[in-house]
Amino acid sequence: FSYCASLETIMLPKELKRIGKHAFFNCASLKSIDIPETIRKIDNFAFWGCTKLKEVKIPRNVILGKNVFPLNAMFAIINKNRSILIHFSFSYEIVLFKKWK
Protein backbone atom coordinates (compact mmCIF):
# COMPACT_ATOMS: atom_id res chain seq x y z
CA PHE A 1 0.00 0.00 0.00
CA SER A 2 3.02 2.33 -0.01
CA TYR A 3 2.35 5.69 -1.68
CA CYS A 4 -1.40 5.06 -1.89
CA ALA A 5 -2.28 8.72 -1.36
CA SER A 6 -6.07 8.19 -1.44
CA LEU A 7 -6.16 5.44 1.25
CA GLU A 8 -8.14 6.78 4.24
CA THR A 9 -9.04 3.60 6.13
CA ILE A 10 -8.01 -0.04 6.05
CA MET A 11 -9.29 -3.23 7.63
CA LEU A 12 -6.45 -5.63 8.31
CA PRO A 13 -7.15 -9.38 8.27
CA LYS A 14 -7.42 -11.06 11.67
CA GLU A 15 -4.83 -13.66 10.60
CA LEU A 16 -2.11 -11.04 10.09
CA LYS A 17 0.85 -11.37 12.49
CA ARG A 18 3.15 -8.59 11.28
CA ILE A 19 2.95 -5.24 9.48
CA GLY A 20 5.99 -5.13 7.24
CA LYS A 21 8.55 -2.44 6.56
CA HIS A 22 7.08 0.50 4.58
CA ALA A 23 3.65 -1.23 4.47
CA PHE A 24 1.73 2.08 4.54
CA PHE A 25 4.65 4.40 3.80
CA ASN A 26 3.43 7.81 2.57
CA CYS A 27 -0.26 6.91 2.65
CA ALA A 28 -0.85 10.59 3.32
CA SER A 29 -4.66 10.37 3.65
CA LEU A 30 -4.74 7.51 6.20
CA LYS A 31 -6.56 8.86 9.27
CA SER A 32 -6.89 5.93 11.65
CA ILE A 33 -6.10 2.26 11.94
CA ASP A 34 -7.33 -0.52 14.21
CA ILE A 35 -4.57 -3.11 14.46
CA PRO A 36 -5.84 -6.67 15.11
CA GLU A 37 -4.93 -8.56 18.29
CA THR A 38 -2.94 -11.06 16.19
CA ILE A 39 -0.26 -8.49 15.25
CA ARG A 40 2.98 -9.06 17.15
CA LYS A 41 5.34 -6.67 15.33
CA ILE A 42 5.16 -3.48 13.29
CA ASP A 43 8.32 -3.04 11.24
CA ASN A 44 10.37 0.08 10.53
CA PHE A 45 8.69 2.97 8.71
CA ALA A 46 5.36 1.07 8.46
CA PHE A 47 3.30 4.29 8.82
CA TRP A 48 6.01 6.84 8.02
CA GLY A 49 4.61 9.71 5.94
CA CYS A 50 1.03 9.11 7.09
CA THR A 51 0.68 12.76 8.01
CA LYS A 52 -3.10 12.71 8.62
CA LEU A 53 -2.94 9.75 11.01
CA LYS A 54 -4.71 10.77 14.23
CA GLU A 55 -5.58 7.53 16.00
CA VAL A 56 -4.03 4.07 16.17
CA LYS A 57 -5.71 1.27 18.11
CA ILE A 58 -2.95 -1.15 18.96
CA PRO A 59 -2.84 -4.41 20.94
CA ARG A 60 -0.73 -4.71 24.05
CA ASN A 61 2.75 -6.23 23.67
CA VAL A 62 3.26 -5.22 20.03
CA ILE A 63 6.92 -4.72 19.18
CA LEU A 64 7.50 -1.48 17.29
CA GLY A 65 10.35 -1.03 14.83
CA LYS A 66 12.21 2.22 14.26
CA ASN A 67 10.40 5.29 12.96
CA VAL A 68 7.09 3.46 12.68
CA PHE A 69 5.10 6.70 12.76
CA PRO A 70 5.71 10.05 11.02
CA LEU A 71 8.16 12.55 12.43
CA ASN A 72 5.49 15.23 12.78
CA ALA A 73 3.04 12.87 14.49
CA MET A 74 1.23 13.82 17.65
CA PHE A 75 -1.73 11.51 17.98
CA ALA A 76 -3.45 9.15 20.36
CA ILE A 77 -2.52 5.52 20.40
CA ILE A 78 -5.30 3.63 22.12
CA ASN A 79 -4.32 0.31 23.61
CA LYS A 80 -6.81 -2.55 23.39
CA ASN A 81 -6.96 -2.64 27.20
CA ARG A 82 -8.49 0.86 26.92
CA SER A 83 -5.36 2.72 27.99
CA ILE A 84 -4.67 5.87 26.04
CA LEU A 85 -1.07 6.15 24.92
CA ILE A 86 0.53 9.18 23.34
CA HIS A 87 3.22 8.99 20.69
CA PHE A 88 5.85 11.68 21.16
CA SER A 89 7.54 12.05 17.82
CA PHE A 90 10.63 13.75 19.21
CA SER A 91 11.86 10.69 21.09
CA TYR A 92 9.77 7.93 19.52
CA GLU A 93 8.67 6.75 22.93
CA ILE A 94 5.23 5.50 23.76
CA VAL A 95 4.24 6.73 27.18
CA LEU A 96 1.23 5.76 29.26
CA PHE A 97 -0.88 8.90 29.42
CA LYS A 98 -4.19 8.01 30.98
CA LYS A 99 -6.02 4.86 31.99
CA TRP A 100 -9.78 4.70 31.52
CA LYS A 101 -11.91 3.47 34.38
C-alpha atoms as a PDB file:
ATOM      1  CA  PHE A   1       0.000   0.000   0.000  1.00  0.00           C
ATOM      2  CA  SER A   2       3.021   2.334  -0.006  1.00  0.00           C
ATOM      3  CA  TYR A   3       2.354   5.690  -1.680  1.00  0.00           C
ATOM      4  CA  CYS A   4      -1.401   5.056  -1.886  1.00  0.00           C
ATOM      5  CA  ALA A   5      -2.284   8.724  -1.362  1.00  0.00           C
ATOM      6  CA  SER A   6      -6.071   8.188  -1.440  1.00  0.00           C
ATOM      7  CA  LEU A   7      -6.160   5.442   1.245  1.00  0.00           C
ATOM      8  CA  GLU A   8      -8.139   6.784   4.236  1.00  0.00           C
ATOM      9  CA  THR A   9      -9.041   3.603   6.126  1.00  0.00           C
ATOM     10  CA  ILE A  10      -8.013  -0.037   6.050  1.00  0.00           C
ATOM     11  CA  MET A  11      -9.294  -3.232   7.628  1.00  0.00           C
ATOM     12  CA  LEU A  12      -6.446  -5.628   8.314  1.00  0.00           C
ATOM     13  CA  PRO A  13      -7.153  -9.376   8.273  1.00  0.00           C
ATOM     14  CA  LYS A  14      -7.423 -11.058  11.670  1.00  0.00           C
ATOM     15  CA  GLU A  15      -4.829 -13.662  10.597  1.00  0.00           C
ATOM     16  CA  LEU A  16      -2.110 -11.035  10.095  1.00  0.00           C
ATOM     17  CA  LYS A  17       0.850 -11.368  12.485  1.00  0.00           C
ATOM     18  CA  ARG A  18       3.148  -8.590  11.279  1.00  0.00           C
ATOM     19  CA  ILE A  19       2.945  -5.243   9.485  1.00  0.00           C
ATOM     20  CA  GLY A  20       5.992  -5.126   7.235  1.00  0.00           C
ATOM     21  CA  LYS A  21       8.549  -2.438   6.556  1.00  0.00           C
ATOM     22  CA  HIS A  22       7.081   0.502   4.583  1.00  0.00           C
ATOM     23  CA  ALA A  23       3.650  -1.229   4.467  1.00  0.00           C
ATOM     24  CA  PHE A  24       1.729   2.080   4.545  1.00  0.00           C
ATOM     25  CA  PHE A  25       4.650   4.398   3.798  1.00  0.00           C
ATOM     26  CA  ASN A  26       3.430   7.812   2.572  1.00  0.00           C
ATOM     27  CA  CYS A  27      -0.256   6.908   2.647  1.00  0.00           C
ATOM     28  CA  ALA A  28      -0.853  10.590   3.317  1.00  0.00           C
ATOM     29  CA  SER A  29      -4.662  10.366   3.648  1.00  0.00           C
ATOM     30  CA  LEU A  30      -4.738   7.507   6.202  1.00  0.00           C
ATOM     31  CA  LYS A  31      -6.563   8.861   9.266  1.00  0.00           C
ATOM     32  CA  SER A  32      -6.886   5.934  11.655  1.00  0.00           C
ATOM     33  CA  ILE A  33      -6.103   2.261  11.944  1.00  0.00           C
ATOM     34  CA  ASP A  34      -7.332  -0.521  14.206  1.00  0.00           C
ATOM     35  CA  ILE A  35      -4.570  -3.112  14.458  1.00  0.00           C
ATOM     36  CA  PRO A  36      -5.839  -6.667  15.106  1.00  0.00           C
ATOM     37  CA  GLU A  37      -4.926  -8.558  18.287  1.00  0.00           C
ATOM     38  CA  THR A  38      -2.941 -11.055  16.187  1.00  0.00           C
ATOM     39  CA  ILE A  39      -0.263  -8.492  15.247  1.00  0.00           C
ATOM     40  CA  ARG A  40       2.978  -9.064  17.153  1.00  0.00           C
ATOM     41  CA  LYS A  41       5.338  -6.668  15.335  1.00  0.00           C
ATOM     42  CA  ILE A  42       5.158  -3.475  13.294  1.00  0.00           C
ATOM     43  CA  ASP A  43       8.323  -3.043  11.235  1.00  0.00           C
ATOM     44  CA  ASN A  44      10.368   0.085  10.535  1.00  0.00           C
ATOM     45  CA  PHE A  45       8.686   2.966   8.709  1.00  0.00           C
ATOM     46  CA  ALA A  46       5.356   1.074   8.456  1.00  0.00           C
ATOM     47  CA  PHE A  47       3.302   4.290   8.821  1.00  0.00           C
ATOM     48  CA  TRP A  48       6.006   6.840   8.022  1.00  0.00           C
ATOM     49  CA  GLY A  49       4.611   9.705   5.936  1.00  0.00           C
ATOM     50  CA  CYS A  50       1.026   9.108   7.094  1.00  0.00           C
ATOM     51  CA  THR A  51       0.684  12.763   8.014  1.00  0.00           C
ATOM     52  CA  LYS A  52      -3.100  12.710   8.624  1.00  0.00           C
ATOM     53  CA  LEU A  53      -2.937   9.748  11.010  1.00  0.00           C
ATOM     54  CA  LYS A  54      -4.712  10.775  14.228  1.00  0.00           C
ATOM     55  CA  GLU A  55      -5.581   7.526  15.995  1.00  0.00           C
ATOM     56  CA  VAL A  56      -4.032   4.073  16.174  1.00  0.00           C
ATOM     57  CA  LYS A  57      -5.712   1.273  18.107  1.00  0.00           C
ATOM     58  CA  ILE A  58      -2.953  -1.148  18.960  1.00  0.00           C
ATOM     59  CA  PRO A  59      -2.836  -4.406  20.938  1.00  0.00           C
ATOM     60  CA  ARG A  60      -0.733  -4.711  24.046  1.00  0.00           C
ATOM     61  CA  ASN A  61       2.750  -6.227  23.666  1.00  0.00           C
ATOM     62  CA  VAL A  62       3.259  -5.217  20.034  1.00  0.00           C
ATOM     63  CA  ILE A  63       6.922  -4.725  19.180  1.00  0.00           C
ATOM     64  CA  LEU A  64       7.496  -1.482  17.292  1.00  0.00           C
ATOM     65  CA  GLY A  65      10.352  -1.032  14.835  1.00  0.00           C
ATOM     66  CA  LYS A  66      12.209   2.220  14.264  1.00  0.00           C
ATOM     67  CA  ASN A  67      10.398   5.290  12.960  1.00  0.00           C
ATOM     68  CA  VAL A  68       7.091   3.456  12.676  1.00  0.00           C
ATOM     69  CA  PHE A  69       5.102   6.697  12.760  1.00  0.00           C
ATOM     70  CA  PRO A  70       5.709  10.052  11.019  1.00  0.00           C
ATOM     71  CA  LEU A  71       8.164  12.553  12.435  1.00  0.00           C
ATOM     72  CA  ASN A  72       5.492  15.231  12.784  1.00  0.00           C
ATOM     73  CA  ALA A  73       3.040  12.875  14.487  1.00  0.00           C
ATOM     74  CA  MET A  74       1.227  13.816  17.650  1.00  0.00           C
ATOM     75  CA  PHE A  75      -1.726  11.512  17.981  1.00  0.00           C
ATOM     76  CA  ALA A  76      -3.454   9.153  20.362  1.00  0.00           C
ATOM     77  CA  ILE A  77      -2.520   5.522  20.404  1.00  0.00           C
ATOM     78  CA  ILE A  78      -5.298   3.629  22.123  1.00  0.00           C
ATOM     79  CA  ASN A  79      -4.323   0.307  23.615  1.00  0.00           C
ATOM     80  CA  LYS A  80      -6.806  -2.549  23.387  1.00  0.00           C
ATOM     81  CA  ASN A  81      -6.963  -2.641  27.199  1.00  0.00           C
ATOM     82  CA  ARG A  82      -8.491   0.859  26.915  1.00  0.00           C
ATOM     83  CA  SER A  83      -5.362   2.720  27.986  1.00  0.00           C
ATOM     84  CA  ILE A  84      -4.666   5.869  26.041  1.00  0.00           C
ATOM     85  CA  LEU A  85      -1.074   6.148  24.916  1.00  0.00           C
ATOM     86  CA  ILE A  86       0.533   9.183  23.344  1.00  0.00           C
ATOM     87  CA  HIS A  87       3.221   8.991  20.694  1.00  0.00           C
ATOM     88  CA  PHE A  88       5.847  11.685  21.165  1.00  0.00           C
ATOM     89  CA  SER A  89       7.543  12.051  17.815  1.00  0.00           C
ATOM     90  CA  PHE A  90      10.626  13.746  19.211  1.00  0.00           C
ATOM     91  CA  SER A  91      11.858  10.695  21.087  1.00  0.00           C
ATOM     92  CA  TYR A  92       9.769   7.929  19.523  1.00  0.00           C
ATOM     93  CA  GLU A  93       8.666   6.754  22.929  1.00  0.00           C
ATOM     94  CA  ILE A  94       5.226   5.501  23.759  1.00  0.00           C
ATOM     95  CA  VAL A  95       4.242   6.733  27.184  1.00  0.00           C
ATOM     96  CA  LEU A  96       1.227   5.759  29.259  1.00  0.00           C
ATOM     97  CA  PHE A  97      -0.882   8.904  29.419  1.00  0.00           C
ATOM     98  CA  LYS A  98      -4.191   8.015  30.983  1.00  0.00           C
ATOM     99  CA  LYS A  99      -6.019   4.864  31.992  1.00  0.00           C
ATOM    100  CA  TRP A 100      -9.783   4.702  31.519  1.00  0.00           C
ATOM    101  CA  LYS A 101     -11.911   3.475  34.382  1.00  0.00           C
END
